[in-house]
Protein backbone atom coordinates (compact mmCIF):
# COMPACT_ATOMS: atom_id res chain seq x y z
CA THR A 1 -22.58 -24.34 10.42
CA PRO A 2 -21.44 -20.93 10.46
CA GLU A 3 -21.60 -19.22 13.78
CA ASN A 4 -24.61 -16.41 14.19
CA ARG A 5 -22.85 -13.67 16.57
CA ASN A 6 -26.48 -12.35 16.81
CA GLU A 7 -27.64 -15.33 18.58
CA PRO A 8 -27.18 -15.19 22.51
CA GLY A 9 -24.67 -17.89 24.09
CA ILE A 10 -21.36 -18.72 25.25
CA ARG A 11 -18.36 -18.51 22.85
CA PHE A 12 -15.02 -20.11 23.37
CA ALA A 13 -12.01 -18.70 21.87
CA THR A 14 -8.26 -18.40 22.19
CA MET A 15 -7.15 -14.83 23.07
CA HIS A 16 -5.61 -14.37 19.59
CA ARG A 17 -9.44 -15.38 18.00
CA VAL A 18 -11.15 -12.57 20.12
CA LYS A 19 -8.89 -9.42 18.54
CA GLY A 20 -11.16 -7.15 16.74
CA LEU A 21 -14.39 -8.81 18.32
CA GLU A 22 -16.91 -7.54 21.34
CA PHE A 23 -18.72 -9.23 23.88
CA ASP A 24 -20.75 -8.12 26.52
CA HIS A 25 -18.48 -10.32 28.91
CA ILE A 26 -15.43 -11.98 28.77
CA ILE A 27 -13.75 -14.68 31.10
CA ILE A 28 -9.88 -15.00 30.73
CA ALA A 29 -9.74 -18.56 32.22
CA GLY A 30 -6.48 -20.03 33.82
CA THR A 31 -4.26 -16.99 33.87
CA ASN A 32 -1.36 -18.74 35.50
CA ASP A 33 2.43 -18.54 35.63
CA GLY A 34 3.94 -20.31 32.57
CA VAL A 35 0.58 -20.12 30.58
CA VAL A 36 0.39 -16.14 30.55
CA PRO A 37 2.80 -15.43 29.36
CA LEU A 38 3.04 -18.59 27.49
CA LYS A 39 6.63 -19.87 27.89
CA GLN A 40 7.05 -20.88 24.32
CA ALA A 41 6.16 -17.67 23.37
CA LEU A 42 9.08 -15.89 25.19
CA VAL A 43 12.29 -15.65 23.48
CA ASP A 44 15.05 -15.61 25.80
CA ASP A 45 18.34 -15.82 23.26
CA ASN A 46 19.08 -12.07 24.39
CA PRO A 47 17.61 -9.26 27.02
CA PHE A 48 16.07 -7.18 23.93
CA GLU A 49 14.34 -10.30 22.26
CA TYR A 50 12.88 -11.46 25.69
CA ALA A 51 11.52 -8.05 26.33
CA GLU A 52 9.70 -7.71 23.21
CA SER A 53 8.47 -11.05 23.43
CA GLU A 54 7.17 -10.29 26.88
CA LYS A 55 5.23 -7.07 25.60
CA ARG A 56 3.70 -8.94 22.78
CA GLU A 57 2.33 -11.49 25.24
CA ARG A 58 1.07 -8.81 27.62
CA SER A 59 -0.40 -6.97 24.68
CA LEU A 60 -2.59 -9.77 23.83
CA LEU A 61 -3.51 -10.51 27.41
CA TYR A 62 -4.62 -6.44 27.48
CA VAL A 63 -6.36 -7.16 23.92
CA ALA A 64 -8.43 -10.01 25.12
CA ALA A 65 -9.55 -8.26 28.17
CA THR A 66 -10.52 -5.09 26.64
CA ARG A 67 -13.00 -7.15 24.14
CA ALA A 68 -15.81 -6.93 26.99
CA LYS A 69 -18.25 -4.06 26.90
CA HIS A 70 -19.44 -4.42 30.76
CA THR A 71 -17.47 -7.02 32.66
CA VAL A 72 -14.07 -8.97 32.66
CA LEU A 73 -13.22 -11.93 35.08
CA ILE A 74 -9.75 -13.29 35.13
CA THR A 75 -9.25 -16.45 36.62
CA THR A 76 -6.10 -18.36 38.23
CA SER A 77 -5.40 -21.21 40.33
CA GLY A 78 -1.92 -22.16 41.94
CA THR A 79 0.65 -19.45 41.07
CA PRO A 80 -0.81 -16.54 39.16
CA SER A 81 0.68 -14.87 36.06
CA SER A 82 3.36 -12.44 36.59
CA PHE A 83 1.33 -9.94 34.57
CA LEU A 84 -1.42 -9.93 37.47
CA VAL A 85 1.05 -9.50 40.17
CA LYS A 86 1.44 -6.15 41.20
CA ASP A 87 4.98 -5.33 42.08
């Protein structure tokens, strides 16, 4: 059956799927090193391509986090994503 977004409830989705949608609350779970950014998504053939692929991955996390109208909770276990660690 099609999803009725007007009904309250919990929705599970990938960061790619939430693009363009809004939710009251967002939980981004498992934001660990090697997962965000996804190792397989990083193109390491040359420095320019690597920087561009890393930028796409960072943008994906940003878009997912900004889908929340009220609160965002980002969780990690083990080594957190380099995107969450302030240099």
